[in-house]
C-alpha atoms as a PDB file:
ATOM      1  CA  UNK A   1    -114.984  63.353 -45.679  1.00  0.00           C
ATOM      2  CA  UNK A   2    -113.029  61.949 -48.904  1.00  0.00           C
ATOM      3  CA  UNK A   3    -109.226  61.631 -48.429  1.00  0.00           C
ATOM      4  CA  UNK A   4    -108.878  62.287 -52.220  1.00  0.00           C
ATOM      5  CA  UNK A   5    -107.479  65.908 -52.060  1.00  0.00           C
ATOM      6  CA  UNK A   6    -106.603  68.269 -55.622  1.00  0.00           C
ATOM      7  CA  UNK A   7    -103.136  69.472 -56.327  1.00  0.00           C
ATOM      8  CA  UNK A   8    -104.029  73.430 -57.317  1.00  0.00           C
ATOM      9  CA  UNK A   9    -100.774  74.937 -56.313  1.00  0.00           C
ATOM     10  CA  UNK A  10     -97.077  73.311 -56.282  1.00  0.00           C
ATOM     11  CA  UNK A  11     -94.388  74.697 -54.163  1.00  0.00           C
ATOM     12  CA  UNK A  12     -91.114  73.688 -56.056  1.00  0.00           C
ATOM     13  CA  UNK A  13     -87.770  74.070 -54.394  1.00  0.00           C
ATOM     14  CA  UNK A  14     -85.161  72.378 -56.222  1.00  0.00           C
ATOM     15  CA  UNK A  15     -81.292  71.787 -56.712  1.00  0.00           C
ATOM     16  CA  UNK A  16     -81.216  69.126 -59.150  1.00  0.00           C
ATOM     17  CA  UNK A  17     -83.525  69.974 -62.139  1.00  0.00           C
ATOM     18  CA  UNK A  18     -83.049  67.402 -64.321  1.00  0.00           C
ATOM     19  CA  UNK A  19     -85.793  65.128 -64.673  1.00  0.00           C
ATOM     20  CA  UNK A  20     -88.100  67.962 -63.566  1.00  0.00           C
ATOM     21  CA  UNK A  21     -89.569  68.990 -66.912  1.00  0.00           C
ATOM     22  CA  UNK A  22     -91.455  66.017 -67.490  1.00  0.00           C
ATOM     23  CA  UNK A  23     -93.504  66.407 -63.979  1.00  0.00           C
ATOM     24  CA  UNK A  24     -93.508  70.293 -64.821  1.00  0.00           C
ATOM     25  CA  UNK A  25     -95.222  69.718 -67.968  1.00  0.00           C
ATOM     26  CA  UNK A  26     -97.840  67.001 -66.503  1.00  0.00           C
ATOM     27  CA  UNK A  27     -98.574  69.376 -63.395  1.00  0.00           C
ATOM     28  CA  UNK A  28     -99.256  72.384 -65.976  1.00  0.00           C
ATOM     29  CA  UNK A  29    -101.538  70.418 -68.105  1.00  0.00           C
ATOM     30  CA  UNK A  30    -103.809  69.963 -64.732  1.00  0.00           C
ATOM     31  CA  UNK A  31    -103.669  73.361 -64.593  1.00  0.00           C
ATOM     32  CA  UNK A  32    -101.793  73.369 -61.576  1.00  0.00           C
ATOM     33  CA  UNK A  33    -100.410  76.858 -59.891  1.00  0.00           C
ATOM     34  CA  UNK A  34     -96.219  76.671 -59.373  1.00  0.00           C
ATOM     35  CA  UNK A  35     -94.946  78.910 -56.641  1.00  0.00           C
ATOM     36  CA  UNK A  36     -90.846  79.204 -56.480  1.00  0.00           C
ATOM     37  CA  UNK A  37     -87.433  80.746 -55.989  1.00  0.00           C
ATOM     38  CA  UNK A  38     -84.452  81.516 -57.312  1.00  0.00           C
ATOM     39  CA  UNK A  39     -82.759  79.454 -59.966  1.00  0.00           C
ATOM     40  CA  UNK A  40     -85.924  77.089 -59.857  1.00  0.00           C
ATOM     41  CA  UNK A  41     -88.384  79.699 -60.511  1.00  0.00           C
ATOM     42  CA  UNK A  42     -86.055  80.678 -63.544  1.00  0.00           C
ATOM     43  CA  UNK A  43     -85.950  77.423 -64.726  1.00  0.00           C
ATOM     44  CA  UNK A  44     -89.466  77.023 -64.589  1.00  0.00           C
ATOM     45  CA  UNK A  45     -90.121  80.227 -66.725  1.00  0.00           C
ATOM     46  CA  UNK A  46     -87.701  79.414 -69.059  1.00  0.00           C
ATOM     47  CA  UNK A  47     -90.022  76.286 -69.845  1.00  0.00           C
ATOM     48  CA  UNK A  48     -92.722  78.862 -70.724  1.00  0.00           C
ATOM     49  CA  UNK A  49     -94.545  78.323 -67.319  1.00  0.00           C
ATOM     50  CA  UNK A  50     -96.020  80.974 -65.103  1.00  0.00           C
ATOM     51  CA  UNK A  51     -94.759  81.235 -61.736  1.00  0.00           C
ATOM     52  CA  UNK A  52     -95.273  83.194 -59.292  1.00  0.00           C
ATOM     53  CA  UNK A  53     -91.986  84.585 -57.068  1.00  0.00           C
ATOM     54  CA  UNK A  54     -92.078  83.234 -53.324  1.00  0.00           C
ATOM     55  CA  UNK A  55     -91.513  86.831 -52.360  1.00  0.00           C
ATOM     56  CA  UNK A  56     -94.422  88.306 -53.760  1.00  0.00           C
ATOM     57  CA  UNK A  57     -96.253  85.985 -51.558  1.00  0.00           C
ATOM     58  CA  UNK A  58     -94.042  86.887 -48.431  1.00  0.00           C
ATOM     59  CA  UNK A  59     -93.161  90.458 -49.796  1.00  0.00           C
ATOM     60  CA  UNK A  60     -89.627  89.596 -48.660  1.00  0.00           C
ATOM     61  CA  UNK A  61     -86.618  89.075 -50.979  1.00  0.00           C
ATOM     62  CA  UNK A  62     -84.583  86.771 -50.679  1.00  0.00           C
ATOM     63  CA  UNK A  63     -82.229  87.579 -48.175  1.00  0.00           C
ATOM     64  CA  UNK A  64     -78.590  86.599 -45.924  1.00  0.00           C
ATOM     65  CA  UNK A  65     -76.807  85.375 -49.222  1.00  0.00           C
ATOM     66  CA  UNK A  66     -79.913  83.115 -50.181  1.00  0.00           C
ATOM     67  CA  UNK A  67     -80.287  81.336 -46.800  1.00  0.00           C
ATOM     68  CA  UNK A  68     -83.653  82.510 -45.942  1.00  0.00           C
ATOM     69  CA  UNK A  69     -86.117  82.710 -48.672  1.00  0.00           C
ATOM     70  CA  UNK A  70     -88.933  80.252 -48.035  1.00  0.00           C
ATOM     71  CA  UNK A  71     -88.853  80.525 -44.328  1.00  0.00           C
ATOM     72  CA  UNK A  72     -91.918  82.618 -43.498  1.00  0.00           C
ATOM     73  CA  UNK A  73     -95.338  82.173 -42.305  1.00  0.00           C
ATOM     74  CA  UNK A  74     -97.076  82.483 -45.570  1.00  0.00           C
ATOM     75  CA  UNK A  75     -95.373  79.978 -47.171  1.00  0.00           C
ATOM     76  CA  UNK A  76     -95.306  77.279 -44.018  1.00  0.00           C
ATOM     77  CA  UNK A  77     -98.798  78.079 -43.050  1.00  0.00           C
ATOM     78  CA  UNK A  78    -100.098  77.573 -46.481  1.00  0.00           C
ATOM     79  CA  UNK A  79     -98.412  73.658 -45.950  1.00  0.00           C
ATOM     80  CA  UNK A  80     -98.902  73.066 -42.065  1.00  0.00           C
ATOM     81  CA  UNK A  81    -102.610  74.254 -42.264  1.00  0.00           C
ATOM     82  CA  UNK A  82    -105.065  71.997 -41.453  1.00  0.00           C
ATOM     83  CA  UNK A  83    -107.969  72.026 -44.109  1.00  0.00           C
ATOM     84  CA  UNK A  84    -110.679  69.924 -41.933  1.00  0.00           C
ATOM     85  CA  UNK A  85    -110.219  72.365 -38.990  1.00  0.00           C
ATOM     86  CA  UNK A  86    -111.912  75.432 -38.813  1.00  0.00           C
ATOM     87  CA  UNK A  87    -109.881  77.490 -36.744  1.00  0.00           C
ATOM     88  CA  UNK A  88    -107.048  77.335 -39.126  1.00  0.00           C
ATOM     89  CA  UNK A  89    -108.791  77.706 -42.189  1.00  0.00           C
ATOM     90  CA  UNK A  90    -109.824  81.081 -40.360  1.00  0.00           C
ATOM     91  CA  UNK A  91    -106.286  82.014 -39.688  1.00  0.00           C
ATOM     92  CA  UNK A  92    -105.328  81.407 -43.186  1.00  0.00           C
ATOM     93  CA  UNK A  93    -107.717  83.726 -44.040  1.00  0.00           C
ATOM     94  CA  UNK A  94    -107.387  86.672 -41.942  1.00  0.00           C
ATOM     95  CA  UNK A  95    -103.666  86.399 -42.903  1.00  0.00           C
ATOM     96  CA  UNK A  96    -103.946  85.931 -46.061  1.00  0.00           C
ATOM     97  CA  UNK A  97    -102.200  82.532 -46.627  1.00  0.00           C
ATOM     98  CA  UNK A  98    -102.770  80.420 -49.394  1.00  0.00           C
ATOM     99  CA  UNK A  99    -103.414  76.441 -49.714  1.00  0.00           C
ATOM    100  CA  UNK A 100    -100.001  74.917 -50.648  1.00  0.00           C
ATOM    101  CA  UNK A 101    -100.861  71.231 -51.749  1.00  0.00           C
ATOM    102  CA  UNK A 102     -97.600  70.189 -53.291  1.00  0.00           C
ATOM    103  CA  UNK A 103     -94.539  70.502 -52.143  1.00  0.00           C
ATOM    104  CA  UNK A 104     -91.652  69.425 -54.583  1.00  0.00           C
ATOM    105  CA  UNK A 105     -88.064  69.792 -52.977  1.00  0.00           C
ATOM    106  CA  UNK A 106     -84.471  68.329 -53.886  1.00  0.00           C
ATOM    107  CA  UNK A 107     -81.918  69.568 -51.194  1.00  0.00           C
ATOM    108  CA  UNK A 108     -78.606  71.128 -51.788  1.00  0.00           C
ATOM    109  CA  UNK A 109     -75.894  68.080 -52.736  1.00  0.00           C
ATOM    110  CA  UNK A 110     -74.403  67.989 -48.805  1.00  0.00           C
ATOM    111  CA  UNK A 111     -72.647  64.616 -49.449  1.00  0.00           C
ATOM    112  CA  UNK A 112     -71.383  65.462 -52.732  1.00  0.00           C
ATOM    113  CA  UNK A 113     -69.693  68.471 -51.935  1.00  0.00           C
ATOM    114  CA  UNK A 114     -68.282  66.798 -48.783  1.00  0.00           C
ATOM    115  CA  UNK A 115     -67.043  64.742 -50.912  1.00  0.00           C
ATOM    116  CA  UNK A 116     -65.112  66.991 -53.587  1.00  0.00           C
ATOM    117  CA  UNK A 117     -63.438  69.509 -50.848  1.00  0.00           C
ATOM    118  CA  UNK A 118     -62.274  70.046 -47.500  1.00  0.00           C
ATOM    119  CA  UNK A 119     -63.463  73.526 -47.252  1.00  0.00           C
ATOM    120  CA  UNK A 120     -65.791  73.854 -44.113  1.00  0.00           C
ATOM    121  CA  UNK A 121     -67.271  77.120 -45.460  1.00  0.00           C
ATOM    122  CA  UNK A 122     -68.005  75.471 -49.135  1.00  0.00           C
ATOM    123  CA  UNK A 123     -69.515  72.124 -46.992  1.00  0.00           C
ATOM    124  CA  UNK A 124     -71.590  74.252 -44.543  1.00  0.00           C
ATOM    125  CA  UNK A 125     -73.155  76.561 -47.157  1.00  0.00           C
ATOM    126  CA  UNK A 126     -74.431  72.896 -48.666  1.00  0.00           C
ATOM    127  CA  UNK A 127     -76.477  72.255 -45.075  1.00  0.00           C
ATOM    128  CA  UNK A 128     -79.961  72.728 -46.721  1.00  0.00           C
ATOM    129  CA  UNK A 129     -82.156  74.314 -44.440  1.00  0.00           C
ATOM    130  CA  UNK A 130     -85.343  76.044 -45.783  1.00  0.00           C
ATOM    131  CA  UNK A 131     -85.467  72.555 -48.179  1.00  0.00           C
ATOM    132  CA  UNK A 132     -85.280  69.853 -45.141  1.00  0.00           C
ATOM    133  CA  UNK A 133     -87.974  72.609 -43.271  1.00  0.00           C
ATOM    134  CA  UNK A 134     -90.267  72.373 -46.434  1.00  0.00           C
ATOM    135  CA  UNK A 135     -89.973  68.441 -46.330  1.00  0.00           C
ATOM    136  CA  UNK A 136     -90.831  68.181 -42.719  1.00  0.00           C
ATOM    137  CA  UNK A 137     -93.699  70.085 -42.808  1.00  0.00           C
ATOM    138  CA  UNK A 138     -95.141  69.067 -45.822  1.00  0.00           C
ATOM    139  CA  UNK A 139     -94.769  65.005 -44.870  1.00  0.00           C
ATOM    140  CA  UNK A 140     -96.014  66.265 -41.222  1.00  0.00           C
ATOM    141  CA  UNK A 141     -99.542  67.602 -43.193  1.00  0.00           C
ATOM    142  CA  UNK A 142     -99.637  64.510 -45.623  1.00  0.00           C
ATOM    143  CA  UNK A 143    -103.345  64.574 -44.206  1.00  0.00           C
ATOM    144  CA  UNK A 144    -103.663  67.291 -47.217  1.00  0.00           C
ATOM    145  CA  UNK A 145    -100.086  67.722 -48.731  1.00  0.00           C
ATOM    146  CA  UNK A 146     -98.181  65.636 -51.598  1.00  0.00           C
ATOM    147  CA  UNK A 147     -94.076  65.969 -50.529  1.00  0.00           C
ATOM    148  CA  UNK A 148     -92.031  65.159 -52.933  1.00  0.00           C
ATOM    149  CA  UNK A 149     -88.325  65.615 -51.153  1.00  0.00           C
ATOM    150  CA  UNK A 150     -85.900  64.094 -53.854  1.00  0.00           C
ATOM    151  CA  UNK A 151     -85.366  64.161 -57.784  1.00  0.00           C
ATOM    152  CA  UNK A 152     -85.707  60.129 -57.250  1.00  0.00           C
ATOM    153  CA  UNK A 153     -89.514  60.651 -56.480  1.00  0.00           C
ATOM    154  CA  UNK A 154     -90.262  63.106 -59.645  1.00  0.00           C
ATOM    155  CA  UNK A 155     -91.159  59.942 -61.767  1.00  0.00           C
ATOM    156  CA  UNK A 156     -92.942  58.402 -59.072  1.00  0.00           C
ATOM    157  CA  UNK A 157     -95.639  61.649 -58.849  1.00  0.00           C
ATOM    158  CA  UNK A 158     -95.353  61.893 -62.750  1.00  0.00           C
ATOM    159  CA  UNK A 159     -96.709  58.792 -63.456  1.00  0.00           C
ATOM    160  CA  UNK A 160     -99.315  59.131 -60.518  1.00  0.00           C
ATOM    161  CA  UNK A 161    -100.297  62.485 -62.467  1.00  0.00           C
ATOM    162  CA  UNK A 162    -100.797  60.717 -65.630  1.00  0.00           C
ATOM    163  CA  UNK A 163    -103.123  58.063 -64.326  1.00  0.00           C
ATOM    164  CA  UNK A 164    -105.577  60.325 -62.249  1.00  0.00           C
ATOM    165  CA  UNK A 165    -104.835  63.714 -63.058  1.00  0.00           C
ATOM    166  CA  UNK A 166    -103.763  65.841 -60.144  1.00  0.00           C
ATOM    167  CA  UNK A 167    -105.744  64.136 -57.587  1.00  0.00           C
ATOM    168  CA  UNK A 168    -104.086  62.117 -54.766  1.00  0.00           C
ATOM    169  CA  UNK A 169    -105.509  59.665 -52.186  1.00  0.00           C
ATOM    170  CA  UNK A 170    -104.606  59.756 -48.197  1.00  0.00           C
ATOM    171  CA  UNK A 171    -102.580  56.500 -48.678  1.00  0.00           C
ATOM    172  CA  UNK A 172    -100.496  58.016 -51.738  1.00  0.00           C
ATOM    173  CA  UNK A 173     -99.654  60.840 -49.399  1.00  0.00           C
ATOM    174  CA  UNK A 174     -98.780  59.001 -47.032  1.00  0.00           C
ATOM    175  CA  UNK A 175     -96.160  56.956 -48.840  1.00  0.00           C
ATOM    176  CA  UNK A 176     -94.347  60.067 -50.383  1.00  0.00           C
ATOM    177  CA  UNK A 177     -94.290  61.277 -46.439  1.00  0.00           C
ATOM    178  CA  UNK A 178     -92.291  57.694 -45.662  1.00  0.00           C
ATOM    179  CA  UNK A 179     -89.906  58.846 -48.449  1.00  0.00           C
ATOM    180  CA  UNK A 180     -89.641  62.309 -47.069  1.00  0.00           C
ATOM    181  CA  UNK A 181     -88.731  61.242 -43.375  1.00  0.00           C
ATOM    182  CA  UNK A 182     -86.325  58.526 -44.852  1.00  0.00           C
ATOM    183  CA  UNK A 183     -84.624  61.598 -46.962  1.00  0.00           C
ATOM    184  CA  UNK A 184     -84.443  64.074 -43.816  1.00  0.00           C
ATOM    185  CA  UNK A 185     -83.253  61.382 -41.955  1.00  0.00           C
ATOM    186  CA  UNK A 186     -80.523  59.960 -44.238  1.00  0.00           C
ATOM    187  CA  UNK A 187     -79.510  63.938 -44.829  1.00  0.00           C
ATOM    188  CA  UNK A 188     -79.266  64.922 -40.912  1.00  0.00           C
ATOM    189  CA  UNK A 189     -77.071  61.611 -40.459  1.00  0.00           C
ATOM    190  CA  UNK A 190     -74.876  62.853 -42.624  1.00  0.00           C
ATOM    191  CA  UNK A 191     -74.003  66.399 -41.529  1.00  0.00           C
ATOM    192  CA  UNK A 192     -74.043  64.889 -38.174  1.00  0.00           C
ATOM    193  CA  UNK A 193     -71.545  62.223 -39.288  1.00  0.00           C
ATOM    194  CA  UNK A 194     -69.337  65.415 -41.257  1.00  0.00           C
ATOM    195  CA  UNK A 195     -69.479  67.037 -37.909  1.00  0.00           C
ATOM    196  CA  UNK A 196     -68.128  64.473 -35.859  1.00  0.00           C
ATOM    197  CA  UNK A 197     -65.624  63.189 -38.323  1.00  0.00           C
ATOM    198  CA  UNK A 198     -64.230  67.092 -37.589  1.00  0.00           C
ATOM    199  CA  UNK A 199     -64.223  66.675 -33.895  1.00  0.00           C
ATOM    200  CA  UNK A 200     -62.491  63.411 -34.120  1.00  0.00           C
ATOM    201  CA  UNK A 201     -59.450  64.924 -36.613  1.00  0.00           C
ATOM    202  CA  UNK A 202     -59.456  67.853 -33.773  1.00  0.00           C
ATOM    203  CA  UNK A 203     -59.376  66.033 -30.974  1.00  0.00           C
END
Protein backbone atom coordinates (compact mmCIF):
# COMPACT_ATOMS: atom_id res chain seq x y z
CA UNK A 1 0.00 0.00 0.00
CA UNK A 2 1.35 3.43 -0.93
CA UNK A 3 2.20 5.77 1.92
CA UNK A 4 1.00 8.77 -0.08
CA UNK A 5 -2.27 10.31 1.12
CA UNK A 6 -4.46 12.86 -0.60
CA UNK A 7 -5.85 15.81 1.33
CA UNK A 8 -9.56 16.09 0.56
CA UNK A 9 -11.01 17.63 3.72
CA UNK A 10 -9.30 20.09 6.08
CA UNK A 11 -10.43 21.09 9.55
CA UNK A 12 -9.12 24.55 10.32
CA UNK A 13 -9.34 26.11 13.79
CA UNK A 14 -6.81 28.86 14.46
CA UNK A 15 -6.25 31.85 16.73
CA UNK A 16 -3.63 33.61 14.60
CA UNK A 17 -4.92 34.04 11.06
CA UNK A 18 -2.02 36.07 9.72
CA UNK A 19 -0.26 34.02 7.06
CA UNK A 20 -3.22 31.70 6.62
CA UNK A 21 -4.40 33.27 3.35
CA UNK A 22 -1.70 31.73 1.19
CA UNK A 23 -2.24 28.27 2.66
CA UNK A 24 -6.01 28.51 2.11
CA UNK A 25 -5.45 29.64 -1.47
CA UNK A 26 -3.26 26.62 -2.24
CA UNK A 27 -5.68 24.22 -0.58
CA UNK A 28 -8.63 25.70 -2.45
CA UNK A 29 -6.70 25.46 -5.71
CA UNK A 30 -6.38 21.72 -5.06
CA UNK A 31 -10.12 21.37 -4.38
CA UNK A 32 -9.77 20.72 -0.66
CA UNK A 33 -13.02 21.07 1.33
CA UNK A 34 -12.92 23.34 4.39
CA UNK A 35 -14.50 22.61 7.78
CA UNK A 36 -14.32 25.15 10.61
CA UNK A 37 -15.90 27.01 13.52
CA UNK A 38 -16.54 30.54 14.72
CA UNK A 39 -14.07 33.24 13.79
CA UNK A 40 -11.97 30.96 11.60
CA UNK A 41 -15.01 29.98 9.57
CA UNK A 42 -15.96 33.65 9.14
CA UNK A 43 -12.39 34.44 8.07
CA UNK A 44 -12.38 31.66 5.48
CA UNK A 45 -15.76 32.68 4.08
CA UNK A 46 -14.62 36.30 4.08
CA UNK A 47 -11.91 35.30 1.61
CA UNK A 48 -14.59 33.88 -0.68
CA UNK A 49 -14.18 30.17 0.07
CA UNK A 50 -17.00 27.79 0.98
CA UNK A 51 -16.63 26.43 4.51
CA UNK A 52 -18.87 23.92 6.26
CA UNK A 53 -19.70 24.60 9.89
CA UNK A 54 -18.48 21.97 12.33
CA UNK A 55 -21.86 22.25 14.05
CA UNK A 56 -23.53 21.05 10.84
CA UNK A 57 -21.43 17.91 11.10
CA UNK A 58 -21.89 17.36 14.84
CA UNK A 59 -25.47 18.75 15.05
CA UNK A 60 -24.33 20.57 18.20
CA UNK A 61 -23.74 24.33 18.44
CA UNK A 62 -20.70 25.88 20.09
CA UNK A 63 -21.61 25.71 23.79
CA UNK A 64 -20.44 26.82 27.24
CA UNK A 65 -19.20 30.17 26.00
CA UNK A 66 -17.15 28.57 23.25
CA UNK A 67 -15.41 26.08 25.54
CA UNK A 68 -16.88 23.17 23.57
CA UNK A 69 -16.88 23.38 19.77
CA UNK A 70 -14.92 20.55 18.17
CA UNK A 71 -14.97 17.99 21.00
CA UNK A 72 -17.26 15.45 19.34
CA UNK A 73 -16.93 11.85 18.04
CA UNK A 74 -17.72 12.90 14.47
CA UNK A 75 -14.75 15.27 14.53
CA UNK A 76 -12.29 13.09 16.41
CA UNK A 77 -13.49 9.94 14.69
CA UNK A 78 -12.78 11.61 11.37
CA UNK A 79 -9.24 12.36 12.50
CA UNK A 80 -8.41 9.17 14.41
CA UNK A 81 -10.08 6.65 12.10
CA UNK A 82 -7.49 4.27 10.63
CA UNK A 83 -8.10 4.15 6.90
CA UNK A 84 -6.39 0.77 6.47
CA UNK A 85 -8.43 -0.90 9.23
CA UNK A 86 -11.68 -2.39 7.92
CA UNK A 87 -13.42 -2.25 11.30
CA UNK A 88 -12.65 1.48 11.62
CA UNK A 89 -13.90 2.15 8.10
CA UNK A 90 -17.11 0.23 8.80
CA UNK A 91 -17.75 2.20 11.99
CA UNK A 92 -17.09 5.50 10.21
CA UNK A 93 -19.72 4.57 7.64
CA UNK A 94 -22.14 3.34 10.31
CA UNK A 95 -21.90 6.54 12.35
CA UNK A 96 -21.60 8.85 9.32
CA UNK A 97 -18.12 10.05 10.25
CA UNK A 98 -16.28 11.83 7.41
CA UNK A 99 -12.57 11.40 6.87
CA UNK A 100 -10.58 14.48 7.89
CA UNK A 101 -7.20 14.46 6.15
CA UNK A 102 -5.67 17.73 7.37
CA UNK A 103 -5.95 19.57 10.67
CA UNK A 104 -4.69 23.16 10.94
CA UNK A 105 -4.55 24.57 14.46
CA UNK A 106 -3.09 27.64 16.15
CA UNK A 107 -3.66 27.59 19.90
CA UNK A 108 -4.98 30.28 22.23
CA UNK A 109 -2.03 32.51 23.23
CA UNK A 110 -1.57 31.31 26.80
CA UNK A 111 1.98 32.58 27.36
CA UNK A 112 1.17 35.96 25.81
CA UNK A 113 -1.87 36.28 28.07
CA UNK A 114 0.16 35.43 31.19
CA UNK A 115 2.70 38.07 30.18
CA UNK A 116 0.04 40.74 29.77
CA UNK A 117 -2.33 40.21 32.70
CA UNK A 118 -2.55 38.87 36.24
CA UNK A 119 -6.29 38.26 35.96
CA UNK A 120 -6.69 34.55 36.68
CA UNK A 121 -10.07 33.99 34.94
CA UNK A 122 -8.70 35.60 31.76
CA UNK A 123 -5.60 33.42 31.90
CA UNK A 124 -7.56 30.23 32.55
CA UNK A 125 -9.82 30.87 29.54
CA UNK A 126 -6.71 30.92 27.36
CA UNK A 127 -5.95 27.29 28.20
CA UNK A 128 -6.82 25.67 24.89
CA UNK A 129 -8.67 22.35 25.18
CA UNK A 130 -10.15 21.58 21.78
CA UNK A 131 -7.12 22.79 19.87
CA UNK A 132 -4.58 20.80 21.85
CA UNK A 133 -6.80 17.72 21.54
CA UNK A 134 -7.02 18.16 17.77
CA UNK A 135 -3.23 18.47 17.57
CA UNK A 136 -2.62 15.29 19.56
CA UNK A 137 -5.25 13.29 17.69
CA UNK A 138 -4.00 14.29 14.25
CA UNK A 139 -0.36 13.77 15.21
CA UNK A 140 -1.15 10.32 16.62
CA UNK A 141 -2.76 9.35 13.31
CA UNK A 142 0.04 10.75 11.13
CA UNK A 143 -0.27 7.60 9.07
CA UNK A 144 -3.38 9.14 7.51
CA UNK A 145 -3.56 12.77 8.62
CA UNK A 146 -1.45 15.91 8.20
CA UNK A 147 -1.23 18.15 11.28
CA UNK A 148 -0.25 21.81 11.09
CA UNK A 149 0.05 22.65 14.82
CA UNK A 150 0.80 26.39 14.74
CA UNK A 151 1.20 29.35 12.42
CA UNK A 152 4.92 28.53 12.25
CA UNK A 153 4.02 25.54 10.05
CA UNK A 154 1.60 27.31 7.66
CA UNK A 155 4.41 27.98 5.20
CA UNK A 156 5.81 24.44 5.48
CA UNK A 157 2.61 22.97 4.15
CA UNK A 158 2.08 25.76 1.62
CA UNK A 159 5.48 25.03 0.11
CA UNK A 160 4.71 21.31 -0.11
CA UNK A 161 1.36 21.97 -1.79
CA UNK A 162 3.03 24.15 -4.42
CA UNK A 163 5.48 21.39 -5.30
CA UNK A 164 3.41 18.22 -5.09
CA UNK A 165 -0.24 19.22 -4.86
CA UNK A 166 -2.56 18.04 -2.07
CA UNK A 167 -0.64 14.80 -1.51
CA UNK A 168 1.83 14.00 1.28
CA UNK A 169 4.11 11.09 2.08
CA UNK A 170 4.20 9.30 5.41
CA UNK A 171 7.67 10.70 6.08
CA UNK A 172 6.39 14.23 5.57
CA UNK A 173 3.38 13.64 7.81
CA UNK A 174 5.69 12.29 10.49
CA UNK A 175 7.74 15.50 10.37
CA UNK A 176 4.58 17.52 10.99
CA UNK A 177 3.63 15.13 13.82
CA UNK A 178 7.00 15.67 15.47
CA UNK A 179 6.46 19.43 15.29
CA UNK A 180 2.97 18.93 16.70
CA UNK A 181 4.11 17.05 19.78
CA UNK A 182 6.75 19.73 20.29
CA UNK A 183 4.02 22.41 20.27
CA UNK A 184 1.88 20.34 22.64
CA UNK A 185 4.76 19.74 25.03
CA UNK A 186 5.77 23.42 25.09
CA UNK A 187 2.19 24.55 25.64
CA UNK A 188 1.56 22.16 28.53
CA UNK A 189 4.90 23.07 30.09
CA UNK A 190 3.93 26.76 30.02
CA UNK A 191 0.62 25.99 31.71
CA UNK A 192 2.33 23.85 34.34
CA UNK A 193 4.87 26.59 35.05
CA UNK A 194 2.06 29.13 35.50
CA UNK A 195 0.23 26.92 38.01
CA UNK A 196 3.48 26.12 39.79
CA UNK A 197 4.28 29.83 40.11
CA UNK A 198 0.85 30.46 41.62
CA UNK A 199 1.34 27.71 44.19
CA UNK A 200 4.71 29.17 45.11
CA UNK A 201 3.23 32.64 45.50
CA UNK A 202 0.29 31.45 47.58
CA UNK A 203 2.45 29.35 49.85
